Amino acid sequence: MKYYFKTNINCNGCIASITPYLNANNEIKHWTVDTQSEGKILTVETDSLTDVMVEDIVNTAGFKAEKVDQ
């Protein structure tokens, strides 16, 4: 399953800050952030996490995430 989130992750420093949180979760197979897109879109691939669980991980890291349809 692939989820997309509008975020406030807007630079390489932000990506460096959130990387340990997303990489620490073994249920996340792959993730990327498009800091060039208007919504700073975070894409997360997972087989078992819900969108709310991913949002919680992002919030714990100090960022905001809002699920969007892609």
PDB file of N, CA and C in Angstrom:
ATOM      1  N   MET A   1       0.843  -1.175   0.000  1.00  0.00           N
ATOM      2  CA  MET A   1       0.000   0.000   0.000  1.00  0.00           C
ATOM      3  C   MET A   1       0.884   1.233   0.000  1.00  0.00           C
ATOM      4  N   LYS A   2       0.438   2.241  -0.719  1.00  0.00           N
ATOM      5  CA  LYS A   2       1.200   3.483  -0.810  1.00  0.00           C
ATOM      6  C   LYS A   2       0.312   4.639  -0.354  1.00  0.00           C
ATOM      7  N   TYR A   3       0.830   5.429   0.568  1.00  0.00           N
ATOM      8  CA  TYR A   3       0.114   6.599   1.076  1.00  0.00           C
ATOM      9  C   TYR A   3       0.855   7.864   0.670  1.00  0.00           C
ATOM     10  N   TYR A   4       0.091   8.935   0.528  1.00  0.00           N
ATOM     11  CA  TYR A   4       0.650  10.245   0.202  1.00  0.00           C
ATOM     12  C   TYR A   4       0.172  11.245   1.242  1.00  0.00           C
ATOM     13  N   PHE A   5       1.089  12.098   1.697  1.00  0.00           N
ATOM     14  CA  PHE A   5       0.764  13.079   2.726  1.00  0.00           C
ATOM     15  C   PHE A   5       1.305  14.444   2.346  1.00  0.00           C
ATOM     16  N   LYS A   6       0.478  15.462   2.541  1.00  0.00           N
ATOM     17  CA  LYS A   6       0.932  16.846   2.451  1.00  0.00           C
ATOM     18  C   LYS A   6       1.634  17.136   3.777  1.00  0.00           C
ATOM     19  N   THR A   7       2.859  17.694   3.710  1.00  0.00           N
ATOM     20  CA  THR A   7       3.634  17.898   4.926  1.00  0.00           C
ATOM     21  C   THR A   7       4.241  19.293   4.980  1.00  0.00           C
ATOM     22  N   ASN A   8       4.920  19.558   6.092  1.00  0.00           N
ATOM     23  CA  ASN A   8       5.720  20.779   6.223  1.00  0.00           C
ATOM     24  C   ASN A   8       7.213  20.419   6.256  1.00  0.00           C
ATOM     25  N   ILE A   9       7.560  19.297   5.628  1.00  0.00           N
ATOM     26  CA  ILE A   9       8.955  18.866   5.489  1.00  0.00           C
ATOM     27  C   ILE A   9       9.480  19.551   4.224  1.00  0.00           C
ATOM     28  N   ASN A  10      10.218  20.654   4.400  1.00  0.00           N
ATOM     29  CA  ASN A  10      10.488  21.473   3.219  1.00  0.00           C
ATOM     30  C   ASN A  10      11.955  21.658   2.834  1.00  0.00           C
ATOM     31  N   CYS A  11      12.874  20.953   3.505  1.00  0.00           N
ATOM     32  CA  CYS A  11      14.283  21.132   3.141  1.00  0.00           C
ATOM     33  C   CYS A  11      15.081  19.894   3.526  1.00  0.00           C
ATOM     34  N   ASN A  12      16.337  19.850   3.126  1.00  0.00           N
ATOM     35  CA  ASN A  12      17.183  18.701   3.454  1.00  0.00           C
ATOM     36  C   ASN A  12      17.385  18.566   4.952  1.00  0.00           C
ATOM     37  N   GLY A  13      17.403  19.673   5.678  1.00  0.00           N
ATOM     38  CA  GLY A  13      17.523  19.619   7.136  1.00  0.00           C
ATOM     39  C   GLY A  13      16.314  18.935   7.766  1.00  0.00           C
ATOM     40  N   CYS A  14      15.136  19.234   7.223  1.00  0.00           N
ATOM     41  CA  CYS A  14      13.909  18.593   7.709  1.00  0.00           C
ATOM     42  C   CYS A  14      13.948  17.098   7.417  1.00  0.00           C
ATOM     43  N   ILE A  15      14.396  16.744   6.231  1.00  0.00           N
ATOM     44  CA  ILE A  15      14.489  15.328   5.863  1.00  0.00           C
ATOM     45  C   ILE A  15      15.462  14.618   6.798  1.00  0.00           C
ATOM     46  N   ALA A  16      16.581  15.257   7.106  1.00  0.00           N
ATOM     47  CA  ALA A  16      17.552  14.665   8.028  1.00  0.00           C
ATOM     48  C   ALA A  16      16.940  14.472   9.412  1.00  0.00           C
ATOM     49  N   SER A  17      16.060  15.382   9.827  1.00  0.00           N
ATOM     50  CA  SER A  17      15.421  15.280  11.141  1.00  0.00           C
ATOM     51  C   SER A  17      14.415  14.138  11.211  1.00  0.00           C
ATOM     52  N   ILE A  18      13.679  13.918  10.127  1.00  0.00           N
ATOM     53  CA  ILE A  18      12.617  12.900  10.167  1.00  0.00           C
ATOM     54  C   ILE A  18      13.126  11.508   9.788  1.00  0.00           C
ATOM     55  N   THR A  19      14.262  11.434   9.110  1.00  0.00           N
ATOM     56  CA  THR A  19      14.791  10.143   8.649  1.00  0.00           C
ATOM     57  C   THR A  19      14.894   9.088   9.751  1.00  0.00           C
ATOM     58  N   PRO A  20      15.456   9.399  10.922  1.00  0.00           N
ATOM     59  CA  PRO A  20      15.554   8.351  11.952  1.00  0.00           C
ATOM     60  C   PRO A  20      14.194   7.798  12.388  1.00  0.00           C
ATOM     61  N   TYR A  21      13.174   8.635  12.385  1.00  0.00           N
ATOM     62  CA  TYR A  21      11.835   8.198  12.803  1.00  0.00           C
ATOM     63  C   TYR A  21      11.224   7.239  11.780  1.00  0.00           C
ATOM     64  N   LEU A  22      11.337   7.591  10.504  1.00  0.00           N
ATOM     65  CA  LEU A  22      10.747   6.747   9.464  1.00  0.00           C
ATOM     66  C   LEU A  22      11.572   5.478   9.254  1.00  0.00           C
ATOM     67  N   ASN A  23      12.890   5.591   9.309  1.00  0.00           N
ATOM     68  CA  ASN A  23      13.741   4.417   9.115  1.00  0.00           C
ATOM     69  C   ASN A  23      13.664   3.444  10.279  1.00  0.00           C
ATOM     70  N   ALA A  24      13.301   3.927  11.464  1.00  0.00           N
ATOM     71  CA  ALA A  24      13.227   3.066  12.646  1.00  0.00           C
ATOM     72  C   ALA A  24      12.034   2.113  12.600  1.00  0.00           C
ATOM     73  N   ASN A  25      11.050   2.434  11.773  1.00  0.00           N
ATOM     74  CA  ASN A  25       9.859   1.590  11.702  1.00  0.00           C
ATOM     75  C   ASN A  25      10.051   0.533  10.618  1.00  0.00           C
ATOM     76  N   ASN A  26      10.144  -0.721  11.037  1.00  0.00           N
ATOM     77  CA  ASN A  26      10.382  -1.814  10.100  1.00  0.00           C
ATOM     78  C   ASN A  26       9.207  -2.083   9.170  1.00  0.00           C
ATOM     79  N   GLU A  27       8.048  -1.526   9.478  1.00  0.00           N
ATOM     80  CA  GLU A  27       6.867  -1.728   8.636  1.00  0.00           C
ATOM     81  C   GLU A  27       6.864  -0.797   7.427  1.00  0.00           C
ATOM     82  N   ILE A  28       7.723   0.223   7.432  1.00  0.00           N
ATOM     83  CA  ILE A  28       7.827   1.133   6.290  1.00  0.00           C
ATOM     84  C   ILE A  28       8.860   0.553   5.338  1.00  0.00           C
ATOM     85  N   LYS A  29       8.401   0.185   4.137  1.00  0.00           N
ATOM     86  CA  LYS A  29       9.286  -0.436   3.160  1.00  0.00           C
ATOM     87  C   LYS A  29      10.127   0.614   2.431  1.00  0.00           C
ATOM     88  N   HIS A  30       9.506   1.755   2.130  1.00  0.00           N
ATOM     89  CA  HIS A  30      10.197   2.811   1.382  1.00  0.00           C
ATOM     90  C   HIS A  30       9.460   4.126   1.616  1.00  0.00           C
ATOM     91  N   TRP A  31      10.216   5.210   1.642  1.00  0.00           N
ATOM     92  CA  TRP A  31       9.574   6.523   1.770  1.00  0.00           C
ATOM     93  C   TRP A  31      10.415   7.577   1.044  1.00  0.00           C
ATOM     94  N   THR A  32       9.758   8.614   0.569  1.00  0.00           N
ATOM     95  CA  THR A  32      10.433   9.751  -0.063  1.00  0.00           C
ATOM     96  C   THR A  32       9.635  11.009   0.236  1.00  0.00           C
ATOM     97  N   VAL A  33      10.314  12.148   0.164  1.00  0.00           N
ATOM     98  CA  VAL A  33       9.653  13.443   0.289  1.00  0.00           C
ATOM     99  C   VAL A  33      10.029  14.264  -0.934  1.00  0.00           C
ATOM    100  N   ASP A  34       9.019  14.802  -1.610  1.00  0.00           N
ATOM    101  CA  ASP A  34       9.255  15.681  -2.749  1.00  0.00           C
ATOM    102  C   ASP A  34       9.184  17.120  -2.245  1.00  0.00           C
ATOM    103  N   THR A  35      10.342  17.671  -1.868  1.00  0.00           N
ATOM    104  CA  THR A  35      10.364  19.030  -1.316  1.00  0.00           C
ATOM    105  C   THR A  35      10.126  20.085  -2.388  1.00  0.00           C
ATOM    106  N   GLN A  36      10.149  19.685  -3.652  1.00  0.00           N
ATOM    107  CA  GLN A  36       9.901  20.627  -4.749  1.00  0.00           C
ATOM    108  C   GLN A  36       8.411  20.777  -5.058  1.00  0.00           C
ATOM    109  N   SER A  37       7.593  19.829  -4.607  1.00  0.00           N
ATOM    110  CA  SER A  37       6.155  19.900  -4.871  1.00  0.00           C
ATOM    111  C   SER A  37       5.498  20.915  -3.942  1.00  0.00           C
ATOM    112  N   GLU A  38       4.379  21.428  -4.358  1.00  0.00           N
ATOM    113  CA  GLU A  38       3.675  22.448  -3.575  1.00  0.00           C
ATOM    114  C   GLU A  38       3.308  21.953  -2.181  1.00  0.00           C
ATOM    115  N   GLY A  39       2.870  20.702  -2.082  1.00  0.00           N
ATOM    116  CA  GLY A  39       2.442  20.162  -0.802  1.00  0.00           C
ATOM    117  C   GLY A  39       3.539  19.462  -0.026  1.00  0.00           C
ATOM    118  N   LYS A  40       4.790  19.508  -0.536  1.00  0.00           N
ATOM    119  CA  LYS A  40       5.907  18.800   0.121  1.00  0.00           C
ATOM    120  C   LYS A  40       5.486  17.356   0.407  1.00  0.00           C
ATOM    121  N   ILE A  41       5.146  16.648  -0.663  1.00  0.00           N
ATOM    122  CA  ILE A  41       4.491  15.349  -0.559  1.00  0.00           C
ATOM    123  C   ILE A  41       5.431  14.249  -0.058  1.00  0.00           C
ATOM    124  N   LEU A  42       5.001  13.624   1.038  1.00  0.00           N
ATOM    125  CA  LEU A  42       5.665  12.448   1.592  1.00  0.00           C
ATOM    126  C   LEU A  42       4.943  11.223   1.054  1.00  0.00           C
ATOM    127  N   THR A  43       5.692  10.314   0.439  1.00  0.00           N
ATOM    128  CA  THR A  43       5.150   9.057  -0.058  1.00  0.00           C
ATOM    129  C   THR A  43       5.698   7.940   0.820  1.00  0.00           C
ATOM    130  N   VAL A  44       4.807   7.102   1.336  1.00  0.00           N
ATOM    131  CA  VAL A  44       5.208   6.004   2.217  1.00  0.00           C
ATOM    132  C   VAL A  44       4.625   4.702   1.685  1.00  0.00           C
ATOM    133  N   GLU A  45       5.485   3.689   1.524  1.00  0.00           N
ATOM    134  CA  GLU A  45       5.044   2.359   1.129  1.00  0.00           C
ATOM    135  C   GLU A  45       5.117   1.442   2.345  1.00  0.00           C
ATOM    136  N   THR A  46       3.998   0.766   2.632  1.00  0.00           N
ATOM    137  CA  THR A  46       3.919  -0.142   3.777  1.00  0.00           C
ATOM    138  C   THR A  46       2.876  -1.208   3.502  1.00  0.00           C
ATOM    139  N   ASP A  47       3.066  -2.363   4.123  1.00  0.00           N
ATOM    140  CA  ASP A  47       2.077  -3.439   3.989  1.00  0.00           C
ATOM    141  C   ASP A  47       1.102  -3.467   5.156  1.00  0.00           C
ATOM    142  N   SER A  48       1.487  -2.858   6.279  1.00  0.00           N
ATOM    143  CA  SER A  48       0.670  -3.056   7.475  1.00  0.00           C
ATOM    144  C   SER A  48       0.271  -1.793   8.230  1.00  0.00           C
ATOM    145  N   LEU A  49       0.948  -0.685   8.007  1.00  0.00           N
ATOM    146  CA  LEU A  49       0.593   0.535   8.742  1.00  0.00           C
ATOM    147  C   LEU A  49      -0.617   1.213   8.117  1.00  0.00           C
ATOM    148  N   THR A  50      -1.414   1.869   8.955  1.00  0.00           N
ATOM    149  CA  THR A  50      -2.519   2.688   8.445  1.00  0.00           C
ATOM    150  C   THR A  50      -1.998   4.100   8.212  1.00  0.00           C
ATOM    151  N   ASP A  51      -2.772   4.892   7.508  1.00  0.00           N
ATOM    152  CA  ASP A  51      -2.387   6.282   7.273  1.00  0.00           C
ATOM    153  C   ASP A  51      -2.272   7.041   8.594  1.00  0.00           C
ATOM    154  N   VAL A  52      -3.126   6.733   9.551  1.00  0.00           N
ATOM    155  CA  VAL A  52      -3.085   7.401  10.853  1.00  0.00           C
ATOM    156  C   VAL A  52      -1.793   7.053  11.599  1.00  0.00           C
ATOM    157  N   MET A  53      -1.351   5.819  11.495  1.00  0.00           N
ATOM    158  CA  MET A  53      -0.100   5.414  12.136  1.00  0.00           C
ATOM    159  C   MET A  53       1.090   6.180  11.546  1.00  0.00           C
ATOM    160  N   VAL A  54       1.091   6.357  10.232  1.00  0.00           N
ATOM    161  CA  VAL A  54       2.169   7.115   9.593  1.00  0.00           C
ATOM    162  C   VAL A  54       2.113   8.574  10.034  1.00  0.00           C
ATOM    163  N   GLU A  55       0.921   9.140  10.082  1.00  0.00           N
ATOM    164  CA  GLU A  55       0.767  10.525  10.552  1.00  0.00           C
ATOM    165  C   GLU A  55       1.311  10.672  11.968  1.00  0.00           C
ATOM    166  N   ASP A  56       1.071   9.686  12.825  1.00  0.00           N
ATOM    167  CA  ASP A  56       1.564   9.729  14.206  1.00  0.00           C
ATOM    168  C   ASP A  56       3.095   9.728  14.245  1.00  0.00           C
ATOM    169  N   ILE A  57       3.715   8.925  13.391  1.00  0.00           N
ATOM    170  CA  ILE A  57       5.183   8.900  13.324  1.00  0.00           C
ATOM    171  C   ILE A  57       5.720  10.269  12.911  1.00  0.00           C
ATOM    172  N   VAL A  58       5.102  10.863  11.899  1.00  0.00           N
ATOM    173  CA  VAL A  58       5.531  12.181  11.417  1.00  0.00           C
ATOM    174  C   VAL A  58       5.329  13.231  12.514  1.00  0.00           C
ATOM    175  N   ASN A  59       4.196  13.176  13.209  1.00  0.00           N
ATOM    176  CA  ASN A  59       3.925  14.124  14.295  1.00  0.00           C
ATOM    177  C   ASN A  59       4.926  13.974  15.431  1.00  0.00           C
ATOM    178  N   THR A  60       5.275  12.733  15.765  1.00  0.00           N
ATOM    179  CA  THR A  60       6.263  12.475  16.812  1.00  0.00           C
ATOM    180  C   THR A  60       7.608  13.100  16.456  1.00  0.00           C
ATOM    181  N   ALA A  61       7.919  13.126  15.165  1.00  0.00           N
ATOM    182  CA  ALA A  61       9.179  13.714  14.698  1.00  0.00           C
ATOM    183  C   ALA A  61       9.130  15.240  14.685  1.00  0.00           C
ATOM    184  N   GLY A  62       7.958  15.807  14.966  1.00  0.00           N
ATOM    185  CA  GLY A  62       7.831  17.260  15.028  1.00  0.00           C
ATOM    186  C   GLY A  62       7.342  17.912  13.748  1.00  0.00           C
ATOM    187  N   PHE A  63       6.767  17.111  12.862  1.00  0.00           N
ATOM    188  CA  PHE A  63       6.251  17.633  11.600  1.00  0.00           C
ATOM    189  C   PHE A  63       4.766  17.342  11.471  1.00  0.00           C
ATOM    190  N   LYS A  64       4.132  17.938  10.474  1.00  0.00           N
ATOM    191  CA  LYS A  64       2.712  17.737  10.225  1.00  0.00           C
ATOM    192  C   LYS A  64       2.546  16.901   8.950  1.00  0.00           C
ATOM    193  N   ALA A  65       1.536  16.053   8.955  1.00  0.00           N
ATOM    194  CA  ALA A  65       1.210  15.250   7.767  1.00  0.00           C
ATOM    195  C   ALA A  65      -0.298  15.142   7.640  1.00  0.00           C
ATOM    196  N   GLU A  66      -0.781  15.350   6.422  1.00  0.00           N
ATOM    197  CA  GLU A  66      -2.204  15.245   6.136  1.00  0.00           C
ATOM    198  C   GLU A  66      -2.361  14.382   4.890  1.00  0.00           C
ATOM    199  N   LYS A  67      -3.065  13.257   5.035  1.00  0.00           N
ATOM    200  CA  LYS A  67      -3.230  12.330   3.915  1.00  0.00           C
ATOM    201  C   LYS A  67      -3.937  13.020   2.758  1.00  0.00           C
ATOM    202  N   VAL A  68      -3.423  12.775   1.556  1.00  0.00           N
ATOM    203  CA  VAL A  68      -4.032  13.289   0.333  1.00  0.00           C
ATOM    204  C   VAL A  68      -4.131  12.146  -0.673  1.00  0.00           C
ATOM    205  N   ASP A  69      -5.053  12.286  -1.600  1.00  0.00           N
ATOM    206  CA  ASP A  69      -5.168  11.305  -2.690  1.00  0.00           C
ATOM    207  C   ASP A  69      -4.240  11.719  -3.810  1.00  0.00           C
ATOM    208  N   GLN A  70      -3.621  10.750  -4.421  1.00  0.00           N
ATOM    209  CA  GLN A  70      -2.651  11.044  -5.478  1.00  0.00           C
ATOM    210  C   GLN A  70      -3.141  10.460  -6.774  1.00  0.00           C
TER     211      GLN A  70
END
